[in-house]
Amino acid sequence: MYELSKSKRYLLSILSGILLFISFPFTGSLTFLVFISWIPLLLVESYISKKKYKSSKVYIHALVTFFIYNLGSTWWIWNASSGGAIFAIVLNALIMAFVFYLFHISKKNVDPKNGIIFLPIIWIAFEFIHYHWELSYPWLTLGNVFSITPKLIQWYSFTGALGGSLWILLVNILLFKLTERIVIYKKSIQFELKFILITSSIIIIPITFSIYSYFNYTEKKDPIEIVAIQPNIDPYNEKFDSDLKSQLTKLFNEADKKVTQKTDIVLAPETAISSTFYEDEIRQLDFYPYILERTSKWNQALFFTGASTARFFEKKN
């Protein structure tokens, strides 16, 4: 049995966190490192299991990994809200660590030998729930790592990003098993060629299919003309403090430069109308006639805009 001191276990946990966030888009963008990012943490979990240490140790090590992952990939939330950043980073790390802890408990009590299969099952279930519950925060769904390489993930059209998460976890599990066999248990690499071939196929086949699909896709021609407007308004010092009508004027002035007789849709930002109002009272608001006046010049082009709105429901919705 190999030995991992306490310091080495923490170093491995830190390494997993670093690999996760530097593989994530724009906080490293070293995308393919995600295929080995879970291996250090899995080595720690495996060691703690074999030594029959307290399961709480797994939670602590997982918390180190996922805190680094959340901090490294979503630190920029601080620029919008320091409190929001702390809440999002800490809470999401706690939840992710708990999910990994559930995997460890399931493996420990159900099938210590082959229980690693619980990892993708429990993790994908967590990511699915994270899309749909009140604390929804799917930004760090594992499959999103490949969002900057669309040529490689055309098959997401069948599975969604959760298919990518499953792909990443399966490859990590296989490479973890390979690492255990060769590095820790000193198995000969020539006896593991079949295992290496299977792992390589799981990586290469989806990518090959995706690249083929990408370059052989023919767009169905049903063109419409869309004008997307993004006025240059400082979101920190101007957006929510200055006059709304002046902001709308900026937006419409920009739109007028681009809208043609063929334009079907004009698309404005998600907070183009930043003053909160009740949806059923929109026609009573000061800026509503102004919007009608400006859009009436666009040859019936549809105007889509985001707004901060409220609505009462007569029944629970």
Protein backbone atom coordinates (compact mmCIF):
# COMPACT_ATOMS: atom_id res chain seq x y z
CA MET A 1 0.00 0.00 0.00
CA TYR A 2 1.44 3.38 -1.00
CA GLU A 3 1.76 6.13 1.60
CA LEU A 4 0.39 9.65 1.32
CA SER A 5 1.29 11.96 4.18
CA LYS A 6 -1.16 14.62 5.31
CA SER A 7 0.79 17.34 3.50
CA LYS A 8 0.86 15.32 0.27
CA ARG A 9 -2.89 14.76 0.47
CA TYR A 10 -3.49 18.48 0.77
CA LEU A 11 -1.09 19.19 -2.09
CA LEU A 12 -3.03 16.75 -4.27
CA SER A 13 -6.33 18.38 -3.28
CA ILE A 14 -4.91 21.80 -4.16
CA LEU A 15 -3.61 20.44 -7.47
CA SER A 16 -7.09 19.20 -8.44
CA GLY A 17 -8.56 22.63 -7.72
CA ILE A 18 -5.88 24.36 -9.80
CA LEU A 19 -6.32 21.96 -12.72
CA LEU A 20 -10.08 22.51 -12.66
CA PHE A 21 -9.96 26.29 -12.83
CA ILE A 22 -7.10 26.62 -15.32
CA SER A 23 -8.98 24.29 -17.67
CA PHE A 24 -12.08 26.51 -17.42
CA PRO A 25 -12.71 29.12 -20.16
CA PHE A 26 -10.92 32.43 -19.67
CA THR A 27 -9.43 31.56 -16.29
CA GLY A 28 -6.81 29.47 -18.03
CA SER A 29 -8.57 27.94 -21.05
CA LEU A 30 -6.22 24.92 -20.92
CA THR A 31 -9.26 22.85 -21.77
CA PHE A 32 -7.84 19.35 -22.06
CA LEU A 33 -6.35 19.47 -18.56
CA VAL A 34 -9.91 18.84 -17.36
CA PHE A 35 -9.41 15.18 -18.34
CA ILE A 36 -6.85 14.77 -15.53
CA SER A 37 -8.18 17.38 -13.10
CA TRP A 38 -10.00 14.91 -10.84
CA ILE A 39 -7.19 12.36 -10.59
CA PRO A 40 -5.32 13.96 -7.62
CA LEU A 41 -8.53 14.24 -5.57
CA LEU A 42 -9.52 10.68 -6.47
CA LEU A 43 -6.11 9.47 -5.29
CA VAL A 44 -6.73 11.18 -1.95
CA GLU A 45 -10.22 9.68 -1.64
CA SER A 46 -8.93 6.23 -2.52
CA TYR A 47 -6.13 6.47 0.05
CA ILE A 48 -8.49 7.62 2.82
CA SER A 49 -10.86 4.75 1.96
CA LYS A 50 -8.14 2.11 2.00
CA LYS A 51 -6.75 3.42 5.30
CA LYS A 52 -10.27 3.51 6.73
CA TYR A 53 -9.82 7.05 7.95
CA LYS A 54 -12.84 9.12 8.97
CA SER A 55 -15.04 10.07 6.03
CA SER A 56 -14.98 13.69 7.19
CA LYS A 57 -11.40 13.86 5.88
CA VAL A 58 -12.74 13.30 2.35
CA TYR A 59 -15.13 16.22 2.78
CA ILE A 60 -12.33 18.53 3.96
CA HIS A 61 -10.05 17.62 1.04
CA ALA A 62 -12.91 17.97 -1.43
CA LEU A 63 -13.73 21.38 0.07
CA VAL A 64 -10.14 22.51 -0.56
CA THR A 65 -10.39 21.39 -4.20
CA PHE A 66 -13.76 22.94 -4.93
CA PHE A 67 -13.08 26.17 -3.06
CA ILE A 68 -10.02 26.71 -5.28
CA TYR A 69 -12.08 25.76 -8.36
CA ASN A 70 -14.86 28.21 -7.50
CA LEU A 71 -12.49 30.99 -6.44
CA GLY A 72 -10.25 30.61 -9.48
CA SER A 73 -13.05 30.47 -12.05
CA THR A 74 -15.61 32.93 -10.60
CA TRP A 75 -13.51 35.47 -8.63
CA TRP A 76 -14.72 38.16 -11.05
CA ILE A 77 -18.14 38.21 -9.35
CA TRP A 78 -16.37 40.37 -6.75
CA ASN A 79 -16.35 43.21 -9.30
CA ALA A 80 -20.14 43.27 -9.23
CA SER A 81 -20.79 42.37 -5.59
CA SER A 82 -18.28 41.44 -2.88
CA GLY A 83 -21.01 39.86 -0.74
CA GLY A 84 -22.45 38.01 -3.73
CA ALA A 85 -19.00 36.69 -4.63
CA ILE A 86 -18.32 35.38 -1.13
CA PHE A 87 -21.75 33.77 -0.94
CA ALA A 88 -21.54 32.15 -4.40
CA ILE A 89 -17.96 30.89 -4.06
CA VAL A 90 -18.22 29.55 -0.51
CA LEU A 91 -21.73 28.06 -0.79
CA ASN A 92 -21.09 26.39 -4.14
CA ALA A 93 -17.80 24.94 -2.84
CA LEU A 94 -19.59 23.57 0.23
CA ILE A 95 -22.28 21.98 -1.94
CA MET A 96 -19.79 20.46 -4.41
CA ALA A 97 -17.70 19.06 -1.55
CA PHE A 98 -20.84 17.52 -0.04
CA VAL A 99 -21.71 15.87 -3.36
CA PHE A 100 -18.21 14.36 -3.54
CA TYR A 101 -18.63 13.25 0.08
CA LEU A 102 -21.90 11.51 -0.88
CA PHE A 103 -19.99 9.62 -3.58
CA HIS A 104 -17.42 8.53 -0.98
CA ILE A 105 -20.12 7.37 1.48
CA SER A 106 -21.94 5.45 -1.27
CA LYS A 107 -18.73 3.79 -2.40
CA LYS A 108 -17.70 2.97 1.17
CA ASN A 109 -21.01 1.39 2.21
CA VAL A 110 -22.28 -0.17 -1.01
CA ASP A 111 -19.34 -1.36 -3.10
CA PRO A 112 -15.82 -0.40 -1.91
CA LYS A 113 -14.17 -2.21 -4.84
CA ASN A 114 -16.19 -0.85 -7.78
CA GLY A 115 -17.96 2.04 -6.07
CA ILE A 116 -16.19 4.68 -8.13
CA ILE A 117 -19.05 4.26 -10.62
CA PHE A 118 -21.17 6.22 -8.13
CA LEU A 119 -19.16 9.38 -8.90
CA PRO A 120 -20.64 10.15 -12.35
CA ILE A 121 -24.12 9.06 -11.22
CA ILE A 122 -24.20 11.31 -8.15
CA TRP A 123 -22.34 14.21 -9.78
CA ILE A 124 -24.57 14.33 -12.88
CA ALA A 125 -27.65 14.16 -10.62
CA PHE A 126 -26.26 17.14 -8.69
CA GLU A 127 -25.61 19.15 -11.85
CA PHE A 128 -29.13 18.41 -13.09
CA ILE A 129 -30.61 19.59 -9.79
CA HIS A 130 -28.35 22.66 -9.89
CA TYR A 131 -30.17 23.73 -13.06
CA HIS A 132 -33.63 23.46 -11.51
CA TRP A 133 -33.73 24.29 -7.80
CA GLU A 134 -34.00 27.66 -6.02
CA LEU A 135 -30.20 27.87 -5.59
CA SER A 136 -29.66 27.29 -9.31
CA TYR A 137 -26.06 28.04 -10.27
CA PRO A 138 -25.03 25.93 -13.27
CA TRP A 139 -22.12 28.16 -14.35
CA LEU A 140 -19.53 25.57 -13.28
CA THR A 141 -21.21 22.56 -14.87
CA LEU A 142 -18.22 20.47 -15.95
CA GLY A 143 -19.38 20.21 -19.56
CA ASN A 144 -19.17 24.01 -19.88
CA VAL A 145 -15.38 23.70 -19.98
CA PHE A 146 -15.63 23.01 -23.72
CA SER A 147 -17.82 26.05 -24.47
CA ILE A 148 -14.91 27.80 -26.22
CA THR A 149 -14.24 24.82 -28.50
CA PRO A 150 -17.58 24.25 -30.29
CA LYS A 151 -15.92 22.22 -33.05
CA LEU A 152 -15.23 19.50 -30.47
CA ILE A 153 -18.68 19.26 -28.90
CA GLN A 154 -21.24 19.20 -31.69
CA TRP A 155 -22.57 16.04 -30.06
CA TYR A 156 -23.84 18.25 -27.19
CA SER A 157 -26.87 18.81 -29.43
CA PHE A 158 -27.94 15.29 -28.36
CA THR A 159 -26.84 15.26 -24.70
CA GLY A 160 -26.47 18.88 -23.59
CA ALA A 161 -23.64 20.01 -21.34
CA LEU A 162 -24.37 17.18 -18.90
CA GLY A 163 -23.18 14.76 -21.57
CA GLY A 164 -19.90 16.62 -21.50
CA SER A 165 -19.77 16.30 -17.72
CA LEU A 166 -20.23 12.53 -18.00
CA TRP A 167 -17.50 12.40 -20.68
CA ILE A 168 -15.06 14.30 -18.46
CA LEU A 169 -15.76 12.17 -15.40
CA LEU A 170 -15.46 8.85 -17.27
CA VAL A 171 -12.08 9.84 -18.73
CA ASN A 172 -10.85 11.00 -15.32
CA ILE A 173 -11.96 7.73 -13.71
CA LEU A 174 -10.24 5.63 -16.37
CA LEU A 175 -7.03 7.67 -16.17
CA PHE A 176 -7.17 7.50 -12.37
CA LYS A 177 -7.39 3.71 -12.54
CA LEU A 178 -4.52 3.67 -15.03
CA THR A 179 -2.45 5.89 -12.72
CA GLU A 180 -3.10 3.58 -9.78
CA ARG A 181 -2.09 0.52 -11.76
CA ILE A 182 1.09 1.88 -13.34
CA VAL A 183 2.44 4.48 -10.90
CA ILE A 184 1.26 3.14 -7.54
CA TYR A 185 0.93 -0.60 -8.01
CA LYS A 186 3.83 -0.76 -10.52
CA LYS A 187 1.95 -2.67 -13.19
CA SER A 188 3.74 -2.97 -16.53
CA ILE A 189 2.47 -0.48 -19.10
CA GLN A 190 2.52 -3.18 -21.81
CA PHE A 191 -0.20 -5.07 -19.92
CA GLU A 192 -2.31 -1.91 -19.79
CA LEU A 193 -2.35 -1.20 -23.54
CA LYS A 194 -5.94 -2.43 -23.86
CA PHE A 195 -6.97 -0.11 -21.04
CA ILE A 196 -5.11 2.80 -22.67
CA LEU A 197 -6.78 2.07 -26.02
CA ILE A 198 -10.27 2.14 -24.45
CA THR A 199 -9.56 5.44 -22.70
CA SER A 200 -8.14 6.99 -25.87
CA SER A 201 -11.19 5.88 -27.84
CA ILE A 202 -13.56 7.51 -25.35
CA ILE A 203 -11.71 10.79 -25.90
CA ILE A 204 -11.11 10.58 -29.65
CA ILE A 205 -14.38 9.12 -31.00
CA PRO A 206 -16.69 11.94 -29.79
CA ILE A 207 -14.19 14.57 -30.96
CA THR A 208 -13.85 12.94 -34.38
CA PHE A 209 -17.63 12.72 -34.79
CA SER A 210 -17.98 16.34 -33.71
CA ILE A 211 -15.36 17.71 -36.11
CA TYR A 212 -16.90 15.74 -38.97
CA SER A 213 -20.37 17.08 -38.07
CA TYR A 214 -19.08 20.63 -37.79
CA PHE A 215 -17.47 20.76 -41.22
CA ASN A 216 -20.24 18.86 -42.99
CA TYR A 217 -23.19 20.81 -41.63
CA THR A 218 -25.35 22.67 -44.14
CA GLU A 219 -27.38 25.55 -42.80
CA LYS A 220 -31.08 25.53 -43.70
CA LYS A 221 -31.67 28.83 -45.44
CA ASP A 222 -34.48 30.79 -43.83
CA PRO A 223 -32.73 34.08 -43.17
CA ILE A 224 -33.98 36.90 -40.99
CA GLU A 225 -32.21 40.14 -40.18
CA ILE A 226 -31.53 40.83 -36.50
CA VAL A 227 -29.96 43.97 -35.08
CA ALA A 228 -28.37 43.44 -31.66
CA ILE A 229 -27.71 46.64 -29.70
CA GLN A 230 -25.24 47.02 -26.83
CA PRO A 231 -24.91 50.69 -25.82
CA ASN A 232 -21.75 51.64 -23.97
CA ILE A 233 -23.12 52.30 -20.47
CA ASP A 234 -20.92 51.90 -17.38
CA PRO A 235 -22.66 49.17 -15.31
CA TYR A 236 -21.04 50.30 -12.05
CA ASN A 237 -21.39 54.09 -12.08
CA GLU A 238 -24.06 54.90 -14.65
CA LYS A 239 -26.38 52.01 -15.41
CA PHE A 240 -28.54 52.09 -12.27
CA ASP A 241 -28.01 55.72 -11.28
CA SER A 242 -28.64 57.84 -14.38
CA ASP A 243 -31.90 58.74 -16.13
CA LEU A 244 -33.57 55.77 -17.87
CA LYS A 245 -34.86 57.81 -20.81
CA SER A 246 -31.34 59.05 -21.63
CA GLN A 247 -30.14 55.42 -21.64
CA LEU A 248 -33.00 54.38 -23.92
CA THR A 249 -32.16 57.29 -26.20
CA LYS A 250 -28.60 55.99 -26.50
CA LEU A 251 -29.96 52.55 -27.34
CA PHE A 252 -32.44 53.74 -29.97
CA ASN A 253 -29.91 56.09 -31.56
CA GLU A 254 -27.56 53.12 -32.02
CA ALA A 255 -30.39 50.97 -33.37
CA ASP A 256 -31.43 53.61 -35.90
CA LYS A 257 -27.95 53.46 -37.45
CA LYS A 258 -28.36 49.74 -38.20
CA VAL A 259 -32.06 49.03 -38.72
CA THR A 260 -33.08 48.64 -42.37
CA GLN A 261 -36.32 47.94 -44.19
CA LYS A 262 -35.41 44.22 -43.97
CA THR A 263 -34.84 44.13 -40.22
CA ASP A 264 -37.13 41.64 -38.45
CA ILE A 265 -35.94 41.90 -34.85
CA VAL A 266 -34.10 44.48 -32.75
CA LEU A 267 -32.54 42.92 -29.67
CA ALA A 268 -31.64 44.98 -26.58
CA PRO A 269 -29.68 43.92 -23.44
CA GLU A 270 -31.12 42.04 -20.48
CA THR A 271 -31.24 45.21 -18.32
CA ALA A 272 -31.99 47.80 -21.00
CA ILE A 273 -34.96 48.82 -18.84
CA SER A 274 -33.38 48.80 -15.39
CA SER A 275 -36.20 50.44 -13.40
CA THR A 276 -38.31 47.74 -11.76
CA PHE A 277 -42.01 47.83 -12.62
CA TYR A 278 -45.08 45.63 -12.43
CA GLU A 279 -45.72 43.92 -15.76
CA ASP A 280 -49.44 44.68 -15.87
CA GLU A 281 -48.72 48.41 -15.43
CA ILE A 282 -46.25 48.84 -18.30
CA ARG A 283 -48.64 50.95 -20.38
CA GLN A 284 -48.90 53.48 -17.55
CA LEU A 285 -45.15 54.10 -17.34
CA ASP A 286 -43.51 57.30 -18.56
CA PHE A 287 -41.07 55.60 -20.91
CA TYR A 288 -43.63 53.34 -22.61
CA PRO A 289 -44.94 55.95 -25.14
CA TYR A 290 -41.32 56.86 -25.90
CA ILE A 291 -40.53 53.24 -26.79
CA LEU A 292 -43.58 53.08 -29.05
CA GLU A 293 -42.58 56.33 -30.73
CA ARG A 294 -39.02 55.22 -31.47
CA THR A 295 -39.90 51.67 -32.59
CA SER A 296 -42.70 52.86 -34.87
CA LYS A 297 -40.06 54.03 -37.37
CA TRP A 298 -38.68 50.52 -37.92
CA ASN A 299 -41.12 49.13 -40.47
CA GLN A 300 -42.78 46.80 -37.93
CA ALA A 301 -39.55 45.21 -36.71
CA LEU A 302 -40.10 43.43 -33.39
CA PHE A 303 -38.38 44.91 -30.34
CA PHE A 304 -37.06 42.46 -27.73
CA THR A 305 -35.62 43.87 -24.52
CA GLY A 306 -34.75 42.73 -21.05
CA ALA A 307 -36.24 44.47 -18.03
CA SER A 308 -36.43 44.19 -14.26
CA THR A 309 -40.08 43.30 -13.67
CA ALA A 310 -42.42 41.93 -11.03
CA ARG A 311 -45.65 40.03 -11.38
CA PHE A 312 -48.28 38.77 -8.92
CA PHE A 313 -49.77 35.31 -9.30
CA GLU A 314 -53.27 34.55 -8.08
CA LYS A 315 -52.28 30.94 -7.47
CA LYS A 316 -49.01 29.34 -6.48
CA ASN A 317 -46.76 29.16 -9.52
